[in-house]
Protein backbone atom coordinates (compact mmCIF):
# COMPACT_ATOMS: atom_id res chain seq x y z
CA MET A 1 43.23 -14.27 -3.62
CA PRO A 2 42.71 -10.78 -2.02
CA LEU A 3 39.46 -9.37 -1.60
CA ARG A 4 37.64 -6.22 -2.56
CA ARG A 5 35.94 -3.91 -0.71
CA GLY A 6 32.45 -5.67 0.00
CA GLU A 7 33.23 -9.07 -1.95
CA VAL A 8 32.50 -12.11 0.38
CA PRO A 9 35.26 -14.34 0.78
CA LEU A 10 33.45 -18.11 -0.95
CA PRO A 11 36.69 -20.23 -0.40
CA GLY A 12 36.25 -24.35 -1.37
CA SER A 13 35.42 -24.68 2.31
CA LEU A 14 35.71 -23.04 6.09
CA ALA A 15 38.44 -24.80 6.82
CA ALA A 16 40.54 -23.30 3.63
CA ALA A 17 39.31 -19.56 4.47
CA ALA A 18 40.46 -20.07 8.40
CA ALA A 19 44.01 -21.18 6.51
CA ASP A 20 43.97 -18.25 4.15
CA ARG A 21 43.24 -16.10 6.94
CA ASP A 22 46.17 -17.30 8.71
CA ARG A 23 48.42 -17.20 5.65
CA VAL A 24 47.73 -13.60 5.18
CA ALA A 25 48.46 -13.05 8.79
CA ASP A 26 51.74 -14.73 8.44
CA ILE A 27 52.77 -12.66 5.45
CA MET A 28 51.53 -9.23 7.27
CA ARG A 29 53.46 -9.76 10.78
CA PRO A 30 56.05 -7.40 11.20
CA GLY A 31 59.53 -7.54 9.02
CA ALA A 32 58.00 -10.08 6.92
CA LEU A 33 58.61 -8.20 4.28
CA ARG A 34 61.86 -6.34 5.04
CA GLY A 35 64.15 -8.34 2.69
CA ALA A 36 62.20 -7.67 0.01
CA ALA A 37 61.27 -3.97 0.92
CA ARG A 38 64.78 -2.73 2.05
CA GLY A 39 67.23 -5.15 1.39
CA ARG A 40 66.74 -5.38 -2.33
CA ASN A 41 69.17 -3.24 -4.61
CA LEU A 42 67.12 -2.16 -7.16
CA ASP A 43 70.60 -1.21 -9.56
CA SER A 44 71.40 -4.88 -9.14
CA LEU A 45 68.73 -5.98 -11.44
CA ALA A 46 69.64 -3.66 -14.10
CA HIS A 47 73.65 -4.95 -13.49
CA THR A 48 72.35 -8.51 -13.72
CA LEU A 49 70.24 -8.01 -17.13
CA PHE A 50 73.25 -6.23 -18.70
CA LEU A 51 75.42 -8.88 -17.53
CA ARG A 52 73.14 -12.06 -19.09
CA ILE A 53 71.76 -10.15 -21.98
CA TYR A 54 74.71 -7.83 -23.56
CA PRO A 55 77.05 -10.85 -24.54
CA VAL A 56 74.50 -13.08 -26.63
CA ILE A 57 73.67 -9.85 -28.04
CA ALA A 58 77.03 -9.24 -28.74
CA VAL A 59 78.08 -12.77 -29.65
CA VAL A 60 74.62 -12.70 -32.01
CA VAL A 61 75.57 -9.40 -33.86
CA LEU A 62 79.21 -10.27 -34.61
CA LEU A 63 78.49 -13.89 -35.62
CA THR A 64 75.72 -12.39 -37.97
CA GLN A 65 78.98 -9.54 -39.52
CA ILE A 66 81.06 -11.99 -39.60
CA GLY A 67 79.24 -14.44 -41.49
CA ILE A 68 77.88 -12.23 -44.17
CA ALA A 69 81.68 -10.81 -44.79
CA LEU A 70 82.97 -14.63 -44.95
CA VAL A 71 80.35 -15.33 -47.41
CA SER A 72 80.45 -12.10 -49.43
CA TYR A 73 84.57 -13.03 -49.33
CA LEU A 74 84.11 -17.05 -50.78
CA ASP A 75 82.10 -15.20 -53.48
CA GLN A 76 84.53 -12.84 -54.79
CA LEU A 77 87.18 -15.43 -54.53
CA ARG A 78 85.03 -17.46 -56.33
CA LEU A 79 84.68 -14.79 -59.12
CA TYR A 80 88.13 -14.39 -59.32
CA GLY A 81 89.18 -18.01 -59.99
CA GLU A 82 86.29 -18.12 -63.06
CA ARG A 83 87.84 -14.92 -63.64
CA ALA A 84 91.52 -16.66 -63.56
CA SER A 85 89.93 -20.00 -65.77
CA LEU A 86 88.60 -17.27 -68.73
CA LEU A 87 91.80 -15.95 -69.06
CA ALA A 88 93.81 -18.75 -69.26
CA GLY A 89 91.14 -20.03 -71.72
CA ILE A 90 90.97 -17.11 -74.02
CA THR A 91 94.74 -16.76 -74.19
CA ALA A 92 94.91 -20.47 -74.80
CA ALA A 93 93.03 -19.96 -77.54
CA ALA A 94 95.30 -17.38 -78.52
CA LEU A 95 98.39 -19.34 -78.82
CA ALA A 96 96.97 -22.22 -80.85
CA ARG A 97 99.50 -22.71 -83.53
CA PRO A 98 101.67 -25.53 -84.66
CA GLY A 99 105.47 -25.56 -83.81
CA LEU A 100 104.85 -23.63 -80.35
CA ALA A 101 108.53 -24.00 -79.04
CA GLY A 102 109.76 -22.75 -83.03
CA ALA A 103 108.23 -19.54 -82.45
CA PRO A 104 108.54 -17.87 -79.27
CA GLU A 105 108.39 -14.12 -80.56
CA ALA A 106 104.62 -15.15 -81.87
CA LEU A 107 103.75 -15.59 -78.40
CA ALA A 108 105.01 -12.83 -76.36
CA GLY A 109 102.22 -11.06 -77.81
CA PRO A 110 99.44 -12.39 -76.09
CA LEU A 111 101.17 -13.55 -72.77
CA ARG A 112 101.83 -9.47 -72.99
CA ALA A 113 98.19 -9.16 -73.39
CA LEU A 114 97.44 -10.09 -69.95
CA ALA A 115 99.31 -8.46 -68.28
CA LEU A 116 96.40 -5.19 -68.97
CA ASP A 117 94.70 -7.07 -66.42
CA PRO A 118 95.63 -5.12 -63.04
CA ALA A 119 95.61 -8.52 -60.95
CA PHE A 120 97.85 -10.28 -63.08
CA ARG A 121 101.14 -11.24 -62.20
CA SER A 122 102.65 -14.25 -64.41
CA ALA A 123 101.64 -16.34 -66.80
CA ALA A 124 103.67 -19.42 -68.22
CA LEU A 125 103.69 -21.65 -71.52
CA ARG A 126 104.95 -25.47 -71.22
CA ASP A 127 105.48 -28.19 -73.60
CA PRO A 128 103.57 -31.27 -72.78
CA GLU A 129 107.12 -32.64 -71.21
CA GLY A 130 106.73 -29.42 -68.99
CA ARG A 131 109.12 -27.31 -70.18
CA LEU A 132 109.46 -23.66 -70.15
CA ILE A 133 107.88 -22.38 -73.96
CA ALA A 134 107.85 -18.79 -72.94
CA SER A 135 106.52 -16.50 -69.59
CA ALA A 136 105.27 -13.28 -68.92
CA GLY A 137 105.48 -11.19 -65.32
CA GLU A 138 107.07 -12.42 -62.30
CA THR A 139 105.95 -14.91 -59.92
CA PRO A 140 105.46 -13.68 -56.56
CA ARG A 141 106.75 -14.90 -53.04
CA ARG A 142 103.87 -15.32 -51.29
CA ALA A 143 102.06 -18.42 -52.76
CA PHE A 144 98.80 -18.02 -50.71
CA ASP A 145 97.77 -14.47 -52.61
CA LEU A 146 97.69 -16.20 -55.99
CA ILE A 147 94.69 -17.84 -58.18
CA GLN A 148 96.17 -19.73 -60.50
CA ALA A 149 93.85 -21.53 -63.14
CA SER A 150 95.70 -23.97 -66.37
CA ALA A 151 94.10 -24.39 -69.35
CA ASP A 152 95.42 -26.85 -72.74
CA VAL A 153 97.02 -25.07 -76.03
CA ALA A 154 95.22 -27.23 -78.84
CA SER A 155 97.95 -27.48 -82.17
CA PRO A 156 95.97 -27.42 -84.63
CA GLY A 157 94.67 -29.63 -87.34
CA ASP A 158 95.07 -32.95 -84.92
CA GLY A 159 93.52 -31.17 -81.90
CA ARG A 160 96.22 -32.84 -79.28
CA ALA A 161 97.87 -30.31 -76.75
CA GLY A 162 100.51 -28.59 -77.65
CA GLY A 163 101.33 -27.37 -74.51
CA THR A 164 100.02 -25.89 -71.28
CA LEU A 165 99.37 -22.00 -70.12
CA THR A 166 99.81 -21.32 -66.72
CA VAL A 167 97.98 -18.21 -65.54
CA ALA A 168 98.49 -16.29 -62.21
CA LEU A 169 96.52 -13.50 -60.41
CA SER A 170 96.56 -11.79 -57.38
CA ALA A 171 94.28 -12.16 -54.40
CA GLU A 172 96.09 -9.35 -52.33
CA SER A 173 93.71 -6.50 -52.76
CA LEU A 174 90.10 -8.85 -52.52
CA ARG A 175 91.95 -9.70 -48.99
CA ASP A 176 92.49 -6.02 -47.86
CA ASN A 177 88.92 -5.71 -48.94
CA ALA A 178 87.47 -8.62 -46.66
CA TRP A 179 89.46 -6.86 -44.20
CA ARG A 180 87.87 -3.45 -44.50
CA GLN A 181 84.59 -4.98 -44.19
CA ALA A 182 85.65 -7.00 -41.52
CA LEU A 183 86.75 -4.02 -39.85
CA LEU A 184 83.61 -2.01 -40.59
CA ALA A 185 81.51 -4.89 -39.29
CA LEU A 186 83.24 -4.93 -36.40
CA GLY A 187 82.44 -1.26 -35.93
CA THR A 188 78.82 -1.38 -36.58
CA SER A 189 78.25 -4.38 -34.43
CA LEU A 190 79.88 -2.30 -31.39
CA VAL A 191 77.64 0.49 -32.79
CA LEU A 192 74.58 -1.48 -32.62
CA MET A 193 75.02 -3.13 -29.18
CA LEU A 194 75.75 0.20 -27.43
CA ALA A 195 72.86 1.42 -28.87
CA PHE A 196 70.71 -1.52 -27.78
CA VAL A 197 72.43 -1.51 -24.48
CA LEU A 198 71.30 2.05 -23.82
CA THR A 199 67.54 1.72 -25.20
CA LEU A 200 67.65 -1.57 -22.93
CA HIS A 201 69.00 0.53 -19.64
CA ALA A 202 66.26 3.54 -20.45
CA THR A 203 63.69 0.88 -21.37
CA VAL A 204 64.51 -0.97 -17.77
CA ARG A 205 64.66 1.48 -15.65
CA ARG A 206 61.15 3.44 -16.72
CA HIS A 207 59.33 0.16 -17.18
CA VAL A 208 60.77 -2.09 -14.23
CA LEU A 209 63.00 -0.84 -11.93
CA ALA A 210 60.68 2.42 -11.21
CA PRO A 211 57.58 0.43 -11.14
CA LEU A 212 58.91 -1.81 -8.89
CA ALA A 213 60.41 1.44 -6.63
CA ARG A 214 56.99 2.27 -6.36
CA LEU A 215 55.74 -1.19 -5.25
CA LEU A 216 58.60 -1.64 -2.54
CA GLY A 217 57.62 1.57 -1.11
CA ALA A 218 53.99 1.18 -0.81
CA MET A 219 55.07 -2.41 0.83
CA ARG A 220 57.01 -1.05 3.47
CA ALA A 221 54.40 1.29 4.02
CA VAL A 222 52.14 -1.70 4.44
CA GLU A 223 54.47 -3.09 6.77
CA HIS A 224 53.84 -0.32 8.93
CA LYS A 225 50.33 -0.41 8.90
CA ARG A 226 49.60 2.09 6.49
CA TRP A 227 47.52 1.03 3.97
CA THR A 228 49.52 2.49 0.74
CA ALA A 229 48.02 1.64 -2.56
CA VAL A 230 50.15 2.04 -5.71
CA ASP A 231 48.77 4.94 -8.24
CA LEU A 232 48.60 3.27 -11.26
CA GLY A 233 46.74 6.48 -12.92
CA ASP A 234 45.49 5.98 -16.63
CA ALA A 235 49.00 4.38 -17.82
CA ALA A 236 48.22 0.63 -15.78
CA ARG A 237 48.05 -1.83 -19.14
CA PRO A 238 46.48 -5.41 -17.66
CA SER A 239 48.86 -6.71 -20.52
CA ASN A 240 51.77 -5.40 -18.16
CA GLU A 241 53.15 -8.15 -15.60
CA ILE A 242 54.19 -5.39 -13.26
CA ASP A 243 50.71 -4.02 -13.94
CA ALA A 244 49.00 -6.42 -12.94
CA ILE A 245 50.70 -7.35 -10.02
CA THR A 246 50.42 -3.83 -8.79
CA SER A 247 47.09 -3.89 -9.30
CA ALA A 248 46.54 -7.06 -7.63
CA PHE A 249 48.62 -5.77 -4.57
CA ASN A 250 46.23 -2.43 -4.53
CA ARG A 251 43.42 -5.25 -4.35
CA MET A 252 45.06 -7.05 -1.38
CA VAL A 253 45.47 -3.50 0.33
CA GLU A 254 41.86 -2.91 0.11
CA GLY A 255 41.35 -5.71 1.25
CA LEU A 256 43.45 -5.71 4.09
CA ARG A 257 41.99 -2.58 4.96
CA SER A 258 38.62 -3.87 5.18
CA GLY A 259 39.51 -7.27 7.01
CA ASP A 260 37.17 -6.55 9.90
CA GLU A 261 34.12 -6.19 7.44
CA ALA A 262 35.39 -9.52 6.10
CA LYS A 263 35.71 -10.91 8.42
CA ARG A 264 32.08 -10.17 9.95
CA LEU A 265 30.62 -10.64 6.42
CA LEU A 266 32.63 -14.05 6.80
CA GLN A 267 30.86 -14.73 10.12
CA ALA A 268 27.79 -14.38 8.57
CA LEU A 269 28.36 -16.06 5.54
CA GLU A 270 29.39 -19.40 8.00
CA SER A 271 26.03 -18.89 9.78
CA ALA A 272 23.81 -18.13 6.73
CA HIS A 273 25.78 -21.87 5.20
CA ALA A 274 24.43 -23.20 8.37
CA GLU A 275 20.72 -22.53 7.93
CA LEU A 276 21.04 -23.00 4.10
CA ALA A 277 21.86 -26.93 5.29
CA GLN A 278 19.09 -26.92 7.97
CA ALA A 279 16.69 -26.07 5.43
CA ASN A 280 18.02 -28.37 2.67
CA ARG A 281 17.75 -31.30 5.50
CA GLN A 282 14.41 -30.19 6.17
CA VAL A 283 13.34 -29.99 2.44
CA ILE A 284 14.59 -33.35 1.46
CA GLU A 285 13.33 -34.83 4.62
CA SER A 286 10.07 -33.75 3.69
CA ILE A 287 9.60 -34.78 0.36
CA ALA A 288 11.21 -38.31 1.36
CA TYR A 289 8.13 -38.07 3.75
CA ALA A 290 5.81 -37.40 0.88
CA ARG A 291 7.62 -40.39 -1.05
CA ARG A 292 6.26 -42.64 1.72
CA ILE A 293 3.33 -41.16 1.22
CA GLN A 294 2.49 -41.28 -2.66
CA ALA A 295 3.74 -45.08 -2.02
CA SER A 296 1.40 -45.89 0.53
CA VAL A 297 -1.17 -44.08 -2.14
CA LEU A 298 -0.44 -46.65 -4.91
CA PRO A 299 -2.17 -50.08 -4.83
CA ASP A 300 -0.41 -53.15 -4.11
CA ARG A 301 1.13 -54.46 -6.78
CA ALA A 302 -0.45 -58.31 -6.42
CA ALA A 303 -3.78 -56.29 -6.21
CA LEU A 304 -4.74 -58.42 -9.50
CA ALA A 305 -3.93 -61.74 -8.18
CA GLY A 306 -6.44 -64.26 -9.13
CA SER A 307 -8.16 -62.28 -11.55
CA GLY A 308 -7.03 -64.19 -14.83
CA LEU A 309 -4.05 -61.31 -15.32
CA ASP A 310 -0.38 -61.19 -15.08
CA VAL A 311 0.59 -57.97 -13.86
CA ALA A 312 3.72 -55.79 -13.95
CA VAL A 313 4.30 -52.78 -13.22
CA LEU A 314 7.51 -50.16 -13.86
CA TRP A 315 6.82 -46.36 -12.09
CA GLU A 316 10.26 -44.44 -11.48
CA PRO A 317 9.36 -41.00 -10.36
CA LEU A 318 11.72 -38.22 -11.93
CA HIS A 319 12.44 -37.03 -8.76
CA LEU A 320 11.57 -38.37 -4.83
CA VAL A 321 8.03 -37.88 -5.52
CA GLY A 322 6.47 -37.66 -8.92
CA GLY A 323 2.98 -36.63 -10.93
CA ASP A 324 2.49 -40.52 -12.53
CA TYR A 325 -0.03 -42.59 -11.21
CA PHE A 326 -1.08 -46.09 -11.68
CA TRP A 327 -4.40 -48.45 -9.83
CA LEU A 328 -5.02 -51.73 -9.42
CA GLU A 329 -7.97 -53.23 -8.45
CA GLN A 330 -10.89 -56.11 -8.65
CA ILE A 331 -14.17 -54.94 -8.09
CA ASP A 332 -17.35 -57.02 -8.91
CA GLY A 333 -15.64 -59.48 -10.76
CA LEU A 334 -14.10 -56.89 -12.92
CA ALA A 335 -10.05 -56.32 -12.95
CA VAL A 336 -9.58 -52.21 -13.52
CA ILE A 337 -6.70 -50.66 -14.52
CA VAL A 338 -5.62 -46.92 -14.39
CA VAL A 339 -2.61 -45.51 -15.30
CA ALA A 340 -2.45 -41.38 -15.44
CA ASP A 341 0.15 -38.86 -15.87
CA CYS A 342 -0.82 -35.28 -13.94
CA THR A 343 1.24 -32.03 -15.06
CA GLY A 344 4.68 -31.70 -14.19
CA HIS A 345 6.47 -33.95 -11.93
CA GLY A 346 8.18 -33.65 -8.10
CA VAL A 347 6.18 -32.05 -5.60
CA PRO A 348 3.33 -30.43 -7.84
CA GLY A 349 2.38 -33.96 -9.76
CA ALA A 350 2.56 -35.39 -6.48
CA PHE A 351 -0.18 -33.28 -5.18
CA LEU A 352 -2.62 -33.87 -8.58
CA THR A 353 -1.83 -37.59 -8.11
CA LEU A 354 -3.68 -37.42 -4.70
CA ILE A 355 -6.38 -35.88 -6.39
CA VAL A 356 -6.72 -38.56 -9.16
CA ALA A 357 -6.54 -41.39 -6.15
CA THR A 358 -9.33 -39.84 -4.75
CA ALA A 359 -11.76 -39.13 -7.36
CA LEU A 360 -10.98 -42.86 -8.58
CA ASP A 361 -11.88 -44.03 -5.28
CA ARG A 362 -15.02 -42.10 -5.21
CA LEU A 363 -16.38 -43.02 -8.94
CA LEU A 364 -15.63 -46.71 -8.05
CA HIS A 365 -17.35 -47.10 -4.91
CA GLU A 366 -19.46 -44.91 -4.27
CA ARG A 367 -20.79 -44.30 -8.12
CA GLY A 368 -20.40 -47.59 -9.25
CA LEU A 369 -18.79 -46.59 -12.36
CA ARG A 370 -17.61 -49.76 -14.51
CA SER A 371 -17.15 -48.17 -18.00
CA PRO A 372 -13.55 -46.69 -18.78
CA ALA A 373 -15.59 -43.88 -20.77
CA ALA A 374 -17.95 -42.94 -18.22
CA LEU A 375 -14.65 -43.28 -15.59
CA LEU A 376 -13.08 -40.75 -17.73
CA ALA A 377 -15.68 -38.66 -17.64
CA GLY A 378 -16.19 -38.69 -14.15
CA LEU A 379 -12.79 -38.30 -13.14
CA ASP A 380 -12.76 -35.01 -15.61
CA ALA A 381 -15.71 -33.54 -13.70
CA LEU A 382 -13.65 -34.07 -10.19
CA VAL A 383 -10.45 -32.98 -11.04
CA ARG A 384 -12.06 -29.78 -12.59
CA ALA A 385 -14.35 -29.08 -9.30
CA GLN A 386 -11.49 -29.75 -7.13
CA LEU A 387 -9.21 -27.19 -8.60
CA ARG A 388 -12.22 -24.60 -9.32
CA GLN A 389 -11.58 -25.14 -13.26
CA ASP A 390 -15.28 -25.02 -13.32
CA GLY A 391 -15.87 -21.35 -13.77
CA ARG A 392 -15.47 -20.54 -9.87
CA GLY A 393 -12.15 -18.49 -10.71
CA ALA A 394 -9.21 -21.22 -11.48
CA GLU A 395 -5.69 -20.49 -10.62
CA SER A 396 -4.06 -23.13 -11.96
CA ASP A 397 -3.97 -24.36 -15.38
CA ASP A 398 -3.68 -28.61 -14.89
CA GLY A 399 -4.56 -31.51 -15.59
CA LEU A 400 -3.81 -35.34 -16.88
CA ASP A 401 -3.52 -37.82 -19.36
CA CYS A 402 -5.41 -41.28 -18.26
CA GLY A 403 -5.68 -44.78 -19.65
CA ILE A 404 -8.47 -46.92 -18.06
CA CYS A 405 -8.58 -50.51 -18.96
CA VAL A 406 -11.46 -52.55 -17.54
CA TYR A 407 -11.35 -56.48 -17.72
CA ASP A 408 -13.81 -58.64 -17.70
CA PRO A 409 -12.63 -62.53 -17.16
CA ALA A 410 -15.51 -64.60 -17.57
CA ALA A 411 -16.30 -62.97 -21.00
CA ARG A 412 -12.90 -62.45 -21.94
CA ARG A 413 -13.14 -59.18 -22.98
CA LEU A 414 -11.32 -55.74 -22.06
CA ARG A 415 -12.56 -52.52 -22.49
CA PHE A 416 -10.69 -49.29 -22.93
CA ALA A 417 -10.80 -46.08 -22.91
CA GLY A 418 -8.02 -43.32 -23.37
CA ALA A 419 -7.56 -39.33 -23.23
CA GLY A 420 -4.66 -38.21 -24.30
CA LEU A 421 -3.36 -42.03 -23.77
CA SER A 422 -3.13 -45.22 -25.73
CA LEU A 423 -2.71 -48.88 -25.55
CA THR A 424 -0.31 -50.39 -26.74
CA VAL A 425 -1.24 -54.59 -28.03
CA ILE A 426 1.56 -57.02 -28.75
CA ARG A 427 -0.46 -60.09 -30.62
CA ASP A 428 2.28 -63.33 -31.96
CA GLY A 429 4.80 -60.35 -32.60
CA VAL A 430 2.28 -57.89 -33.82
CA VAL A 431 1.96 -53.93 -32.67
CA THR A 432 -1.29 -52.71 -32.76
CA ARG A 433 -2.06 -48.94 -30.99
CA GLU A 434 -5.89 -48.71 -29.63
CA ARG A 435 -5.50 -44.72 -29.71
CA GLY A 436 -7.55 -42.79 -26.52
CA ALA A 437 -9.25 -39.15 -27.01
CA ARG A 438 -6.27 -36.48 -28.15
CA ARG A 439 -6.98 -34.19 -25.42
CA GLY A 440 -6.15 -34.92 -21.42
CA LEU A 441 -8.81 -34.65 -18.43
CA GLY A 442 -9.20 -31.34 -16.80
CA TYR A 443 -7.86 -27.35 -17.67
CA PRO A 444 -9.82 -24.82 -17.43
CA ASP A 445 -11.84 -22.91 -19.94
CA GLY A 446 -9.60 -21.27 -22.43
CA GLY A 447 -6.66 -23.48 -21.27
CA ARG A 448 -3.85 -25.13 -23.43
CA GLU A 449 -6.15 -28.30 -23.41
CA PRO A 450 -10.17 -28.37 -23.78
CA PRO A 451 -11.95 -30.09 -20.97
CA ALA A 452 -12.92 -33.55 -21.56
CA GLY A 453 -16.73 -33.75 -21.51
CA ARG A 454 -16.83 -30.88 -24.49
CA GLY A 455 -15.65 -33.28 -27.79
CA THR A 456 -12.62 -34.49 -26.39
CA ALA A 457 -13.06 -37.37 -24.11
CA PRO A 458 -14.23 -41.30 -25.87
CA ALA A 459 -18.40 -41.68 -26.13
CA GLU A 460 -17.88 -45.50 -25.44
CA ASP A 461 -15.26 -48.07 -24.90
CA GLN A 462 -13.34 -50.16 -27.29
CA VAL A 463 -13.85 -53.70 -26.54
CA ILE A 464 -10.78 -56.12 -27.24
CA ALA A 465 -11.33 -59.94 -27.11
CA VAL A 466 -8.61 -60.98 -24.53
CA ALA A 467 -6.63 -64.11 -26.30
CA PRO A 468 -4.13 -65.86 -24.14
CA GLY A 469 -0.69 -64.68 -24.78
CA THR A 470 -1.99 -61.69 -26.26
CA GLY A 471 0.21 -58.48 -24.13
CA PHE A 472 -1.16 -54.95 -23.14
CA TYR A 473 0.72 -51.49 -22.34
CA LEU A 474 -0.41 -48.43 -20.30
CA MET A 475 2.66 -46.45 -20.68
CA THR A 476 3.22 -41.91 -20.00
CA ASP A 477 5.18 -40.00 -22.35
CA GLY A 478 7.69 -40.15 -19.94
CA ILE A 479 8.50 -43.25 -21.49
CA THR A 480 8.18 -43.44 -25.28
CA ASP A 481 9.86 -39.59 -24.84
CA GLN A 482 13.65 -40.16 -23.96
CA MET A 483 16.02 -38.33 -26.05
CA GLY A 484 19.31 -40.42 -27.19
CA ALA A 485 21.16 -41.35 -30.02
CA PRO A 486 20.00 -44.08 -32.29
CA SER A 487 23.64 -45.39 -32.90
CA PRO A 488 27.20 -43.53 -32.25
CA GLY A 489 27.84 -40.34 -33.81
CA ALA A 490 24.11 -40.41 -34.85
CA ARG A 491 21.63 -36.85 -34.29
CA PRO A 492 20.00 -37.34 -30.65
CA ARG A 493 16.14 -37.62 -31.47
CA LEU A 494 13.23 -39.09 -29.23
CA ILE A 495 12.69 -43.25 -28.82
CA GLY A 496 8.84 -42.35 -29.50
CA HIS A 497 5.95 -45.27 -29.29
CA ALA A 498 7.68 -47.00 -32.00
CA GLY A 499 11.17 -47.62 -30.56
CA VAL A 500 9.38 -48.44 -27.22
CA ALA A 501 7.32 -51.06 -28.67
CA ALA A 502 9.76 -52.51 -30.96
CA ARG A 503 11.75 -54.00 -27.62
CA LEU A 504 8.74 -54.77 -25.90
CA ALA A 505 8.19 -57.47 -29.26
CA ALA A 506 11.48 -58.35 -29.18
CA ARG A 507 10.72 -60.02 -25.94
CA ALA A 508 7.21 -60.28 -26.19
CA ARG A 509 7.95 -64.35 -24.97
CA ARG A 510 9.35 -63.73 -21.70
CA SER A 511 7.81 -63.12 -18.33
CA LEU A 512 6.24 -59.71 -17.84
CA PRO A 513 8.76 -58.62 -14.99
CA GLU A 514 11.95 -60.17 -17.83
CA GLN A 515 9.90 -57.32 -19.95
CA LEU A 516 10.26 -54.95 -18.21
CA THR A 517 13.53 -55.47 -16.88
CA GLY A 518 14.81 -55.52 -20.31
CA LEU A 519 13.15 -52.22 -21.66
CA GLU A 520 14.42 -50.23 -18.48
CA ALA A 521 17.87 -51.21 -19.10
CA ASP A 522 17.81 -50.50 -23.45
CA LEU A 523 16.18 -47.35 -22.37
CA ALA A 524 18.81 -46.53 -20.02
CA ALA A 525 21.20 -47.14 -22.77
CA TYR A 526 19.69 -45.55 -25.56
CA ARG A 527 19.64 -42.38 -23.07
CA GLY A 528 23.31 -42.98 -22.96
CA ASP A 529 24.98 -39.41 -21.18
CA GLU A 530 21.34 -37.47 -21.59
CA ALA A 531 19.12 -36.98 -18.80
CA ARG A 532 15.78 -38.40 -18.12
CA ARG A 533 12.85 -35.73 -18.40
CA ASP A 534 9.49 -36.73 -16.90
CA ASP A 535 8.76 -39.74 -14.74
CA MET A 536 8.03 -42.87 -16.09
CA THR A 537 5.30 -45.71 -15.57
CA LEU A 538 4.41 -48.70 -17.17
CA VAL A 539 1.77 -50.87 -16.33
CA ALA A 540 2.13 -54.44 -18.17
CA PHE A 541 -0.97 -57.26 -18.32
CA ARG A 542 -1.92 -60.37 -20.20
CA ALA A 543 -3.98 -63.12 -19.54
CA THR A 544 -2.71 -66.46 -17.63
CA GLN A 545 -1.97 -69.39 -19.30
CA ALA A 546 -4.83 -71.26 -17.11
CA ALA A 547 -7.47 -69.31 -19.63
CA ALA A 548 -6.12 -71.14 -23.17
CA ASP A 549 -9.41 -73.02 -23.57
CA PRO A 550 -10.99 -71.78 -27.29
CA TRP A 551 -12.94 -68.85 -27.35
CA PRO A 552 -16.41 -68.80 -27.82
CA ALA A 553 -17.47 -67.81 -31.32
CA GLN A 554 -18.86 -64.38 -30.23
CA ASP A 555 -16.29 -63.22 -27.97
CA ALA A 556 -13.90 -62.85 -30.89
CA ALA A 557 -16.14 -59.96 -32.25
């Protein structure tokens, strides 16, 4: 494609750009355009167009005129036949009388009346045996000029045929008229074809040959390194192919004129491409290393082994790193399970997860907090202090949703508190949802979310008796906010908490890893061609079967 001034060539690859330069250089070598620009006789183009188009137009016009004349002649011939039949019928009715052969003088009058018709030639009345009874006129020698019609002469009284009347009309005038029409059609065709040829010749010379001559002249100049463009003026039309070719030629000339500049720009582009590729590799390597760091901050999936709980984790960031975080730890005979969904995803969300991890470690090990509600309040205060959202000039409008469960295996009780996250419980196939506070943690005063501790964090823990086989599920909104079509052809919509819970309940009797594997496959099938929107985290846990002894009455409260 020819370059315009100031444009940078953007080929599919640098090798392709080099190949394009080689082809342009080959085209512009001396003598390459000589055959096209010098050896071509434009008059031969007009001659070729004449020889190709004129015979076709002549045949079409001539056949059209002949067809019209033939249809007119056949129609008049039909009318003549009907006219002869009508004369024969009327005369036969006039001749109807008994004893035709005995009164020839009475028959002469109707037969002579036929002679009043200009086309009449002869009439003959014969008896049923074919003997001539009476006649009028003379039969011409050329039978092909006659149009004959016959009619039966009925005998009055019994209705039997008393004879046959044959009337002959001359078609000579009809054929003469047909010849005149044919000659007129031929002359008209010649005039039309001559007018068409003259018009076509003038049009081709003006709109085809003249622009091509200008274009070939410019090509001869370009061959000698004179960058001459074709002046189209104000008459250029994009729909005209020759104008479009000329415009493309002018752009090519402009690109060749600025060839040195284009080469420099191409070299700069190659250098920028290499620098961009190097920067992209460094970014990908940095994010991959950040994933290793984030993965090292996450707890071991087997951290709650021996706590009386079976645990399975689904953690899948949208990018290499994500803003979802979970915490598993045994401390003071309790099992602590935390799921947090920080603002955003990718690298910004990953930074917030590090702040959350540091804050949880301080709250659990330095302050010794064990109540989920107290942990949420402390986490809110630490996050807001770390992000300077406590009145010290916050520049961050970020926060997190969080759900915390603390399981006491000795009392077989689970305490839960949530801020923006809820706990899903499946017991005997029945799904219940323990809701936390509606607002999340963090966010500055006046931001989109009021901070916890100001009417948003739960005031106390929710206590749940843990029975063997009961499944508990802490999940972020990346699990439930997946867009897809419930059925083929249906309008896409979110799967929602109910859709996820129904799929978990259908597999409630399976092991927790099988449940999460099946759920992940269901979510992928539900999305179809839709892309994921957020990080996904789900921590599933339930009491082991070893703790299946009967519960004390007070534990069921």
